[in-house]
Amino acid sequence: MTALHPAGLELIALDPKRSATIIGPEAFADDATTREVAKRAATDVGVANQEGCTNARVIYVLSGTDAEGIGRANRLGELIYERAGQPAELHEYRAALPE
């Protein structure tokens, strides 16, 4: 599973129905990286309508707690929300990921 996650996105399987994703500060290096992380996080959250044991139930974001950090976290959340509304695309994207 870890091969599917780029820098800034790490999956920790805590047991079935208790999976979490940790998004590190690297996710905010630039806009393209943030968008890619959001796309992959939306896939982790949305594939199979939360039926899979590896679906992220919780996402921890290491963005900082100052106003700028909260802004980064909010922007990432907006991007994830936008991507999560595209289920067919998410399934195609997930299928195209290398094993």
PDB file of N, CA and C in Angstrom:
ATOM      1  N   MET A   1       0.805  -1.192   0.000  1.00  0.00           N
ATOM      2  CA  MET A   1       0.000   0.000   0.000  1.00  0.00           C
ATOM      3  C   MET A   1       0.856   1.267   0.000  1.00  0.00           C
ATOM      4  N   THR A   2       1.986   1.264   0.672  1.00  0.00           N
ATOM      5  CA  THR A   2       2.762   2.490   0.769  1.00  0.00           C
ATOM      6  C   THR A   2       3.313   2.928  -0.584  1.00  0.00           C
ATOM      7  N   ALA A   3       3.462   2.019  -1.531  1.00  0.00           N
ATOM      8  CA  ALA A   3       3.944   2.388  -2.860  1.00  0.00           C
ATOM      9  C   ALA A   3       2.953   3.279  -3.593  1.00  0.00           C
ATOM     10  N   LEU A   4       1.705   3.266  -3.197  1.00  0.00           N
ATOM     11  CA  LEU A   4       0.674   4.059  -3.849  1.00  0.00           C
ATOM     12  C   LEU A   4       0.633   5.491  -3.353  1.00  0.00           C
ATOM     13  N   HIS A   5       1.362   5.798  -2.312  1.00  0.00           N
ATOM     14  CA  HIS A   5       1.272   7.112  -1.681  1.00  0.00           C
ATOM     15  C   HIS A   5       2.552   7.908  -1.911  1.00  0.00           C
ATOM     16  N   PRO A   6       2.418   9.113  -2.487  1.00  0.00           N
ATOM     17  CA  PRO A   6       3.598   9.947  -2.730  1.00  0.00           C
ATOM     18  C   PRO A   6       4.046  10.639  -1.446  1.00  0.00           C
ATOM     19  N   ALA A   7       5.127  11.375  -1.554  1.00  0.00           N
ATOM     20  CA  ALA A   7       5.606  12.158  -0.417  1.00  0.00           C
ATOM     21  C   ALA A   7       4.487  13.055   0.082  1.00  0.00           C
ATOM     22  N   GLY A   8       4.336  13.123   1.380  1.00  0.00           N
ATOM     23  CA  GLY A   8       3.307  13.975   1.966  1.00  0.00           C
ATOM     24  C   GLY A   8       2.007  13.261   2.237  1.00  0.00           C
ATOM     25  N   LEU A   9       1.906  12.002   1.822  1.00  0.00           N
ATOM     26  CA  LEU A   9       0.675  11.258   2.055  1.00  0.00           C
ATOM     27  C   LEU A   9       1.065   9.865   2.532  1.00  0.00           C
ATOM     28  N   GLU A  10       0.671   9.530   3.732  1.00  0.00           N
ATOM     29  CA  GLU A  10       1.043   8.246   4.311  1.00  0.00           C
ATOM     30  C   GLU A  10      -0.202   7.563   4.853  1.00  0.00           C
ATOM     31  N   LEU A  11      -0.367   6.294   4.532  1.00  0.00           N
ATOM     32  CA  LEU A  11      -1.504   5.528   5.016  1.00  0.00           C
ATOM     33  C   LEU A  11      -1.083   4.726   6.232  1.00  0.00           C
ATOM     34  N   ILE A  12      -1.870   4.784   7.274  1.00  0.00           N
ATOM     35  CA  ILE A  12      -1.657   3.941   8.449  1.00  0.00           C
ATOM     36  C   ILE A  12      -2.943   3.164   8.663  1.00  0.00           C
ATOM     37  N   ALA A  13      -2.884   1.857   8.491  1.00  0.00           N
ATOM     38  CA  ALA A  13      -4.060   1.021   8.704  1.00  0.00           C
ATOM     39  C   ALA A  13      -4.098   0.638  10.175  1.00  0.00           C
ATOM     40  N   LEU A  14      -5.106   1.072  10.880  1.00  0.00           N
ATOM     41  CA  LEU A  14      -5.199   0.844  12.317  1.00  0.00           C
ATOM     42  C   LEU A  14      -6.088  -0.337  12.664  1.00  0.00           C
ATOM     43  N   ASP A  15      -6.758  -0.891  11.756  1.00  0.00           N
ATOM     44  CA  ASP A  15      -7.660  -2.032  11.827  1.00  0.00           C
ATOM     45  C   ASP A  15      -8.779  -1.755  10.834  1.00  0.00           C
ATOM     46  N   PRO A  16      -9.552  -2.768  10.497  1.00  0.00           N
ATOM     47  CA  PRO A  16     -10.667  -2.501   9.588  1.00  0.00           C
ATOM     48  C   PRO A  16     -11.557  -1.388  10.134  1.00  0.00           C
ATOM     49  N   LYS A  17     -11.935  -0.506   9.252  1.00  0.00           N
ATOM     50  CA  LYS A  17     -12.821   0.616   9.571  1.00  0.00           C
ATOM     51  C   LYS A  17     -12.184   1.638  10.491  1.00  0.00           C
ATOM     52  N   ARG A  18     -10.865   1.587  10.658  1.00  0.00           N
ATOM     53  CA  ARG A  18     -10.182   2.567  11.514  1.00  0.00           C
ATOM     54  C   ARG A  18      -8.947   3.144  10.829  1.00  0.00           C
ATOM     55  N   SER A  19      -8.931   3.165   9.527  1.00  0.00           N
ATOM     56  CA  SER A  19      -7.754   3.648   8.805  1.00  0.00           C
ATOM     57  C   SER A  19      -7.649   5.162   8.864  1.00  0.00           C
ATOM     58  N   ALA A  20      -6.415   5.636   8.861  1.00  0.00           N
ATOM     59  CA  ALA A  20      -6.159   7.077   8.892  1.00  0.00           C
ATOM     60  C   ALA A  20      -5.077   7.416   7.880  1.00  0.00           C
ATOM     61  N   THR A  21      -5.087   8.636   7.430  1.00  0.00           N
ATOM     62  CA  THR A  21      -4.058   9.149   6.532  1.00  0.00           C
ATOM     63  C   THR A  21      -3.382  10.320   7.234  1.00  0.00           C
ATOM     64  N   ILE A  22      -2.063  10.389   7.117  1.00  0.00           N
ATOM     65  CA  ILE A  22      -1.313  11.518   7.648  1.00  0.00           C
ATOM     66  C   ILE A  22      -0.726  12.260   6.462  1.00  0.00           C
ATOM     67  N   ILE A  23      -1.027  13.540   6.367  1.00  0.00           N
ATOM     68  CA  ILE A  23      -0.500  14.377   5.296  1.00  0.00           C
ATOM     69  C   ILE A  23       0.525  15.312   5.913  1.00  0.00           C
ATOM     70  N   GLY A  24       1.774  15.163   5.469  1.00  0.00           N
ATOM     71  CA  GLY A  24       2.873  15.937   6.029  1.00  0.00           C
ATOM     72  C   GLY A  24       3.024  17.301   5.386  1.00  0.00           C
ATOM     73  N   PRO A  25       3.922  18.102   5.930  1.00  0.00           N
ATOM     74  CA  PRO A  25       4.124  19.460   5.433  1.00  0.00           C
ATOM     75  C   PRO A  25       4.631  19.503   3.996  1.00  0.00           C
ATOM     76  N   GLU A  26       5.210  18.403   3.505  1.00  0.00           N
ATOM     77  CA  GLU A  26       5.684  18.351   2.124  1.00  0.00           C
ATOM     78  C   GLU A  26       4.538  18.553   1.128  1.00  0.00           C
ATOM     79  N   ALA A  27       3.327  18.252   1.572  1.00  0.00           N
ATOM     80  CA  ALA A  27       2.154  18.371   0.700  1.00  0.00           C
ATOM     81  C   ALA A  27       1.909  19.805   0.266  1.00  0.00           C
ATOM     82  N   PHE A  28       2.492  20.756   0.977  1.00  0.00           N
ATOM     83  CA  PHE A  28       2.252  22.164   0.695  1.00  0.00           C
ATOM     84  C   PHE A  28       3.438  22.843   0.021  1.00  0.00           C
ATOM     85  N   ALA A  29       4.328  22.046  -0.579  1.00  0.00           N
ATOM     86  CA  ALA A  29       5.523  22.586  -1.228  1.00  0.00           C
ATOM     87  C   ALA A  29       5.167  23.555  -2.350  1.00  0.00           C
ATOM     88  N   ASP A  30       4.140  23.217  -3.130  1.00  0.00           N
ATOM     89  CA  ASP A  30       3.670  24.083  -4.209  1.00  0.00           C
ATOM     90  C   ASP A  30       2.242  23.657  -4.556  1.00  0.00           C
ATOM     91  N   ASP A  31       1.601  24.445  -5.392  1.00  0.00           N
ATOM     92  CA  ASP A  31       0.190  24.194  -5.714  1.00  0.00           C
ATOM     93  C   ASP A  31      -0.007  22.846  -6.397  1.00  0.00           C
ATOM     94  N   ALA A  32       0.888  22.478  -7.300  1.00  0.00           N
ATOM     95  CA  ALA A  32       0.744  21.200  -8.014  1.00  0.00           C
ATOM     96  C   ALA A  32       0.822  20.020  -7.043  1.00  0.00           C
ATOM     97  N   THR A  33       1.733  20.089  -6.086  1.00  0.00           N
ATOM     98  CA  THR A  33       1.866  19.018  -5.094  1.00  0.00           C
ATOM     99  C   THR A  33       0.621  18.943  -4.222  1.00  0.00           C
ATOM    100  N   THR A  34       0.123  20.095  -3.782  1.00  0.00           N
ATOM    101  CA  THR A  34      -1.080  20.112  -2.952  1.00  0.00           C
ATOM    102  C   THR A  34      -2.262  19.515  -3.705  1.00  0.00           C
ATOM    103  N   ARG A  35      -2.398  19.845  -4.977  1.00  0.00           N
ATOM    104  CA  ARG A  35      -3.491  19.286  -5.783  1.00  0.00           C
ATOM    105  C   ARG A  35      -3.351  17.769  -5.946  1.00  0.00           C
ATOM    106  N   GLU A  36      -2.139  17.297  -6.156  1.00  0.00           N
ATOM    107  CA  GLU A  36      -1.914  15.856  -6.291  1.00  0.00           C
ATOM    108  C   GLU A  36      -2.223  15.131  -4.985  1.00  0.00           C
ATOM    109  N   VAL A  37      -1.795  15.699  -3.870  1.00  0.00           N
ATOM    110  CA  VAL A  37      -2.084  15.102  -2.567  1.00  0.00           C
ATOM    111  C   VAL A  37      -3.593  15.082  -2.332  1.00  0.00           C
ATOM    112  N   ALA A  38      -4.276  16.164  -2.680  1.00  0.00           N
ATOM    113  CA  ALA A  38      -5.735  16.214  -2.520  1.00  0.00           C
ATOM    114  C   ALA A  38      -6.413  15.156  -3.370  1.00  0.00           C
ATOM    115  N   LYS A  39      -5.931  14.969  -4.580  1.00  0.00           N
ATOM    116  CA  LYS A  39      -6.512  13.956  -5.468  1.00  0.00           C
ATOM    117  C   LYS A  39      -6.355  12.560  -4.869  1.00  0.00           C
ATOM    118  N   ARG A  40      -5.180  12.280  -4.355  1.00  0.00           N
ATOM    119  CA  ARG A  40      -4.935  10.952  -3.772  1.00  0.00           C
ATOM    120  C   ARG A  40      -5.683  10.767  -2.448  1.00  0.00           C
ATOM    121  N   ALA A  41      -5.776  11.830  -1.659  1.00  0.00           N
ATOM    122  CA  ALA A  41      -6.529  11.740  -0.400  1.00  0.00           C
ATOM    123  C   ALA A  41      -8.012  11.509  -0.690  1.00  0.00           C
ATOM    124  N   ALA A  42      -8.542  12.182  -1.694  1.00  0.00           N
ATOM    125  CA  ALA A  42      -9.948  11.977  -2.068  1.00  0.00           C
ATOM    126  C   ALA A  42     -10.175  10.538  -2.505  1.00  0.00           C
ATOM    127  N   THR A  43      -9.200   9.976  -3.190  1.00  0.00           N
ATOM    128  CA  THR A  43      -9.298   8.570  -3.584  1.00  0.00           C
ATOM    129  C   THR A  43      -9.305   7.677  -2.352  1.00  0.00           C
ATOM    130  N   ASP A  44      -8.408   7.952  -1.407  1.00  0.00           N
ATOM    131  CA  ASP A  44      -8.354   7.155  -0.178  1.00  0.00           C
ATOM    132  C   ASP A  44      -9.662   7.223   0.598  1.00  0.00           C
ATOM    133  N   VAL A  45     -10.288   8.371   0.574  1.00  0.00           N
ATOM    134  CA  VAL A  45     -11.540   8.560   1.308  1.00  0.00           C
ATOM    135  C   VAL A  45     -12.721   7.958   0.555  1.00  0.00           C
ATOM    136  N   GLY A  46     -12.756   8.154  -0.763  1.00  0.00           N
ATOM    137  CA  GLY A  46     -13.983   7.910  -1.500  1.00  0.00           C
ATOM    138  C   GLY A  46     -14.147   6.607  -2.241  1.00  0.00           C
ATOM    139  N   VAL A  47     -13.073   5.899  -2.544  1.00  0.00           N
ATOM    140  CA  VAL A  47     -13.213   4.681  -3.332  1.00  0.00           C
ATOM    141  C   VAL A  47     -14.074   3.665  -2.592  1.00  0.00           C
ATOM    142  N   ALA A  48     -14.968   3.028  -3.306  1.00  0.00           N
ATOM    143  CA  ALA A  48     -15.854   1.980  -2.786  1.00  0.00           C
ATOM    144  C   ALA A  48     -16.799   2.505  -1.712  1.00  0.00           C
ATOM    145  N   ASN A  49     -17.081   3.807  -1.740  1.00  0.00           N
ATOM    146  CA  ASN A  49     -18.070   4.388  -0.833  1.00  0.00           C
ATOM    147  C   ASN A  49     -17.799   4.050   0.633  1.00  0.00           C
ATOM    148  N   GLN A  50     -16.539   4.117   1.031  1.00  0.00           N
ATOM    149  CA  GLN A  50     -16.117   3.878   2.415  1.00  0.00           C
ATOM    150  C   GLN A  50     -16.344   2.439   2.880  1.00  0.00           C
ATOM    151  N   GLU A  51     -16.470   1.506   1.947  1.00  0.00           N
ATOM    152  CA  GLU A  51     -16.675   0.108   2.325  1.00  0.00           C
ATOM    153  C   GLU A  51     -15.360  -0.639   2.535  1.00  0.00           C
ATOM    154  N   GLY A  52     -14.282  -0.157   1.941  1.00  0.00           N
ATOM    155  CA  GLY A  52     -13.003  -0.847   2.048  1.00  0.00           C
ATOM    156  C   GLY A  52     -12.336  -0.632   3.393  1.00  0.00           C
ATOM    157  N   CYS A  53     -11.591  -1.610   3.823  1.00  0.00           N
ATOM    158  CA  CYS A  53     -10.895  -1.506   5.109  1.00  0.00           C
ATOM    159  C   CYS A  53      -9.769  -0.489   5.064  1.00  0.00           C
ATOM    160  N   THR A  54      -9.292  -0.156   3.860  1.00  0.00           N
ATOM    161  CA  THR A  54      -8.193   0.798   3.757  1.00  0.00           C
ATOM    162  C   THR A  54      -8.670   2.216   3.481  1.00  0.00           C
ATOM    163  N   ASN A  55      -9.971   2.434   3.357  1.00  0.00           N
ATOM    164  CA  ASN A  55     -10.461   3.804   3.186  1.00  0.00           C
ATOM    165  C   ASN A  55     -10.090   4.628   4.406  1.00  0.00           C
ATOM    166  N   ALA A  56      -9.543   5.808   4.154  1.00  0.00           N
ATOM    167  CA  ALA A  56      -9.193   6.698   5.265  1.00  0.00           C
ATOM    168  C   ALA A  56     -10.457   7.200   5.936  1.00  0.00           C
ATOM    169  N   ARG A  57     -10.566   6.978   7.211  1.00  0.00           N
ATOM    170  CA  ARG A  57     -11.698   7.482   7.996  1.00  0.00           C
ATOM    171  C   ARG A  57     -11.356   8.821   8.634  1.00  0.00           C
ATOM    172  N   VAL A  58     -10.058   9.037   8.858  1.00  0.00           N
ATOM    173  CA  VAL A  58      -9.558  10.252   9.485  1.00  0.00           C
ATOM    174  C   VAL A  58      -8.329  10.697   8.694  1.00  0.00           C
ATOM    175  N   ILE A  59      -8.202  12.001   8.484  1.00  0.00           N
ATOM    176  CA  ILE A  59      -7.006  12.545   7.847  1.00  0.00           C
ATOM    177  C   ILE A  59      -6.388  13.558   8.808  1.00  0.00           C
ATOM    178  N   TYR A  60      -5.142  13.309   9.173  1.00  0.00           N
ATOM    179  CA  TYR A  60      -4.383  14.239  10.001  1.00  0.00           C
ATOM    180  C   TYR A  60      -3.493  15.058   9.068  1.00  0.00           C
ATOM    181  N   VAL A  61      -3.554  16.377   9.187  1.00  0.00           N
ATOM    182  CA  VAL A  61      -2.804  17.262   8.305  1.00  0.00           C
ATOM    183  C   VAL A  61      -1.806  18.069   9.129  1.00  0.00           C
ATOM    184  N   LEU A  62      -0.537  17.943   8.778  1.00  0.00           N
ATOM    185  CA  LEU A  62       0.525  18.687   9.454  1.00  0.00           C
ATOM    186  C   LEU A  62       0.786  19.965   8.667  1.00  0.00           C
ATOM    187  N   SER A  63      -0.056  20.955   8.906  1.00  0.00           N
ATOM    188  CA  SER A  63       0.020  22.194   8.133  1.00  0.00           C
ATOM    189  C   SER A  63       0.437  23.386   8.976  1.00  0.00           C
ATOM    190  N   GLY A  64       0.473  23.214  10.280  1.00  0.00           N
ATOM    191  CA  GLY A  64       0.745  24.329  11.187  1.00  0.00           C
ATOM    192  C   GLY A  64      -0.555  24.826  11.789  1.00  0.00           C
ATOM    193  N   THR A  65      -0.439  25.497  12.921  1.00  0.00           N
ATOM    194  CA  THR A  65      -1.642  25.968  13.617  1.00  0.00           C
ATOM    195  C   THR A  65      -1.798  27.483  13.591  1.00  0.00           C
ATOM    196  N   ASP A  66      -0.868  28.175  12.944  1.00  0.00           N
ATOM    197  CA  ASP A  66      -1.030  29.621  12.796  1.00  0.00           C
ATOM    198  C   ASP A  66      -2.040  29.890  11.670  1.00  0.00           C
ATOM    199  N   ALA A  67      -2.338  31.150  11.421  1.00  0.00           N
ATOM    200  CA  ALA A  67      -3.349  31.497  10.416  1.00  0.00           C
ATOM    201  C   ALA A  67      -2.981  30.944   9.036  1.00  0.00           C
ATOM    202  N   GLU A  68      -1.702  30.988   8.672  1.00  0.00           N
ATOM    203  CA  GLU A  68      -1.262  30.469   7.377  1.00  0.00           C
ATOM    204  C   GLU A  68      -1.456  28.953   7.305  1.00  0.00           C
ATOM    205  N   GLY A  69      -1.118  28.251   8.388  1.00  0.00           N
ATOM    206  CA  GLY A  69      -1.282  26.801   8.428  1.00  0.00           C
ATOM    207  C   GLY A  69      -2.744  26.386   8.340  1.00  0.00           C
ATOM    208  N   ILE A  70      -3.600  27.102   9.052  1.00  0.00           N
ATOM    209  CA  ILE A  70      -5.038  26.811   8.984  1.00  0.00           C
ATOM    210  C   ILE A  70      -5.538  27.067   7.569  1.00  0.00           C
ATOM    211  N   GLY A  71      -5.026  28.111   6.929  1.00  0.00           N
ATOM    212  CA  GLY A  71      -5.395  28.404   5.545  1.00  0.00           C
ATOM    213  C   GLY A  71      -4.985  27.281   4.606  1.00  0.00           C
ATOM    214  N   ARG A  72      -3.775  26.726   4.811  1.00  0.00           N
ATOM    215  CA  ARG A  72      -3.326  25.597   3.983  1.00  0.00           C
ATOM    216  C   ARG A  72      -4.229  24.382   4.192  1.00  0.00           C
ATOM    217  N   ALA A  73      -4.560  24.091   5.438  1.00  0.00           N
ATOM    218  CA  ALA A  73      -5.435  22.954   5.735  1.00  0.00           C
ATOM    219  C   ALA A  73      -6.823  23.149   5.119  1.00  0.00           C
ATOM    220  N   ASN A  74      -7.347  24.355   5.221  1.00  0.00           N
ATOM    221  CA  ASN A  74      -8.662  24.634   4.627  1.00  0.00           C
ATOM    222  C   ASN A  74      -8.637  24.480   3.118  1.00  0.00           C
ATOM    223  N   ARG A  75      -7.578  24.981   2.478  1.00  0.00           N
ATOM    224  CA  ARG A  75      -7.459  24.858   1.015  1.00  0.00           C
ATOM    225  C   ARG A  75      -7.375  23.388   0.624  1.00  0.00           C
ATOM    226  N   LEU A  76      -6.595  22.610   1.345  1.00  0.00           N
ATOM    227  CA  LEU A  76      -6.502  21.181   1.058  1.00  0.00           C
ATOM    228  C   LEU A  76      -7.869  20.525   1.213  1.00  0.00           C
ATOM    229  N   GLY A  77      -8.587  20.865   2.266  1.00  0.00           N
ATOM    230  CA  GLY A  77      -9.932  20.318   2.468  1.00  0.00           C
ATOM    231  C   GLY A  77     -10.863  20.659   1.324  1.00  0.00           C
ATOM    232  N   GLU A  78     -10.781  21.887   0.824  1.00  0.00           N
ATOM    233  CA  GLU A  78     -11.604  22.282  -0.315  1.00  0.00           C
ATOM    234  C   GLU A  78     -11.265  21.446  -1.546  1.00  0.00           C
ATOM    235  N   LEU A  79      -9.976  21.248  -1.785  1.00  0.00           N
ATOM    236  CA  LEU A  79      -9.556  20.451  -2.943  1.00  0.00           C
ATOM    237  C   LEU A  79      -9.997  18.995  -2.814  1.00  0.00           C
ATOM    238  N   ILE A  80      -9.879  18.440  -1.618  1.00  0.00           N
ATOM    239  CA  ILE A  80     -10.331  17.061  -1.400  1.00  0.00           C
ATOM    240  C   ILE A  80     -11.838  16.971  -1.636  1.00  0.00           C
ATOM    241  N   TYR A  81     -12.577  17.929  -1.125  1.00  0.00           N
ATOM    242  CA  TYR A  81     -14.034  17.939  -1.306  1.00  0.00           C
ATOM    243  C   TYR A  81     -14.400  18.001  -2.779  1.00  0.00           C
ATOM    244  N   GLU A  82     -13.710  18.854  -3.540  1.00  0.00           N
ATOM    245  CA  GLU A  82     -13.973  18.953  -4.975  1.00  0.00           C
ATOM    246  C   GLU A  82     -13.731  17.626  -5.666  1.00  0.00           C
ATOM    247  N   ARG A  83     -12.627  16.976  -5.324  1.00  0.00           N
ATOM    248  CA  ARG A  83     -12.281  15.698  -5.960  1.00  0.00           C
ATOM    249  C   ARG A  83     -13.207  14.572  -5.518  1.00  0.00           C
ATOM    250  N   ALA A  84     -13.645  14.596  -4.292  1.00  0.00           N
ATOM    251  CA  ALA A  84     -14.508  13.528  -3.782  1.00  0.00           C
ATOM    252  C   ALA A  84     -15.855  13.525  -4.484  1.00  0.00           C
ATOM    253  N   GLY A  85     -16.234  14.617  -5.078  1.00  0.00           N
ATOM    254  CA  GLY A  85     -17.496  14.696  -5.808  1.00  0.00           C
ATOM    255  C   GLY A  85     -17.416  14.127  -7.202  1.00  0.00           C
ATOM    256  N   GLN A  86     -16.316  13.474  -7.537  1.00  0.00           N
ATOM    257  CA  GLN A  86     -16.111  12.926  -8.869  1.00  0.00           C
ATOM    258  C   GLN A  86     -15.815  11.426  -8.780  1.00  0.00           C
ATOM    259  N   PRO A  87     -16.760  10.612  -8.323  1.00  0.00           N
ATOM    260  CA  PRO A  87     -16.463   9.206  -8.041  1.00  0.00           C
ATOM    261  C   PRO A  87     -15.999   8.393  -9.241  1.00  0.00           C
ATOM    262  N   ALA A  88     -16.564   8.580 -10.411  1.00  0.00           N
ATOM    263  CA  ALA A  88     -16.139   7.778 -11.566  1.00  0.00           C
ATOM    264  C   ALA A  88     -14.674   8.063 -11.886  1.00  0.00           C
ATOM    265  N   GLU A  89     -14.284   9.333 -11.847  1.00  0.00           N
ATOM    266  CA  GLU A  89     -12.910   9.698 -12.114  1.00  0.00           C
ATOM    267  C   GLU A  89     -11.979   9.110 -11.056  1.00  0.00           C
ATOM    268  N   LEU A  90     -12.420   9.095  -9.814  1.00  0.00           N
ATOM    269  CA  LEU A  90     -11.588   8.545  -8.751  1.00  0.00           C
ATOM    270  C   LEU A  90     -11.330   7.065  -8.960  1.00  0.00           C
ATOM    271  N   HIS A  91     -12.341   6.333  -9.376  1.00  0.00           N
ATOM    272  CA  HIS A  91     -12.157   4.903  -9.616  1.00  0.00           C
ATOM    273  C   HIS A  91     -11.172   4.679 -10.760  1.00  0.00           C
ATOM    274  N   GLU A  92     -11.275   5.469 -11.821  1.00  0.00           N
ATOM    275  CA  GLU A  92     -10.351   5.339 -12.945  1.00  0.00           C
ATOM    276  C   GLU A  92      -8.934   5.699 -12.517  1.00  0.00           C
ATOM    277  N   TYR A  93      -8.823   6.749 -11.703  1.00  0.00           N
ATOM    278  CA  TYR A  93      -7.509   7.176 -11.226  1.00  0.00           C
ATOM    279  C   TYR A  93      -6.870   6.082 -10.378  1.00  0.00           C
ATOM    280  N   ARG A  94      -7.632   5.508  -9.481  1.00  0.00           N
ATOM    281  CA  ARG A  94      -7.118   4.460  -8.588  1.00  0.00           C
ATOM    282  C   ARG A  94      -6.668   3.243  -9.404  1.00  0.00           C
ATOM    283  N   ALA A  95      -7.461   2.893 -10.416  1.00  0.00           N
ATOM    284  CA  ALA A  95      -7.129   1.725 -11.254  1.00  0.00           C
ATOM    285  C   ALA A  95      -5.833   1.951 -12.036  1.00  0.00           C
ATOM    286  N   ALA A  96      -5.514   3.212 -12.339  1.00  0.00           N
ATOM    287  CA  ALA A  96      -4.324   3.527 -13.119  1.00  0.00           C
ATOM    288  C   ALA A  96      -3.059   3.597 -12.279  1.00  0.00           C
ATOM    289  N   LEU A  97      -3.164   3.584 -10.962  1.00  0.00           N
ATOM    290  CA  LEU A  97      -1.985   3.665 -10.102  1.00  0.00           C
ATOM    291  C   LEU A  97      -1.158   2.389 -10.221  1.00  0.00           C
ATOM    292  N   PRO A  98       0.172   2.518 -10.221  1.00  0.00           N
ATOM    293  CA  PRO A  98       1.015   1.322 -10.291  1.00  0.00           C
ATOM    294  C   PRO A  98       0.883   0.485  -9.026  1.00  0.00           C
ATOM    295  N   GLU A  99       1.099  -0.803  -9.189  1.00  0.00           N
ATOM    296  CA  GLU A  99       1.010  -1.693  -8.018  1.00  0.00           C
ATOM    297  C   GLU A  99       2.327  -1.849  -7.334  1.00  0.00           C
TER     298      GLU A  99
END
